[in-house]
């Protein structure tokens, strides 16, 4: 991995909501409406963040039925980095609340996902 790529990863993670999205996706794959249900930020903002994260190589997406599902990249550097961040944040109230919500939310139950 190049220095430019690593710099792009850290720039992308430097924005709090993008970091929160990556941490959500490290728990499980999610669609935009599920991310919105946890973070309560505008869908257009979420989409812009997802585009940035995908460009940086932190996440990937795939079509699953009528949804586009986002997940954490399989890249070993990304996986190790996010694991270290999660270990550091293990007692952070925002991280814990987001994680709890992420594990409960389901696109099948959300009217915004219909």
Foldseek 3Di string as FASTA:
>chain_A
DDPVLVVLQVVLCVDPLLVLVLLLQALHKDFLVLSCVLPVDDSVVSVVSVVSCVVSVQWDWDDDPPTIIIHGHPDPVSNVVNVVVCVVCVPPPSSVSSNVSSVVDDLVPDPVND
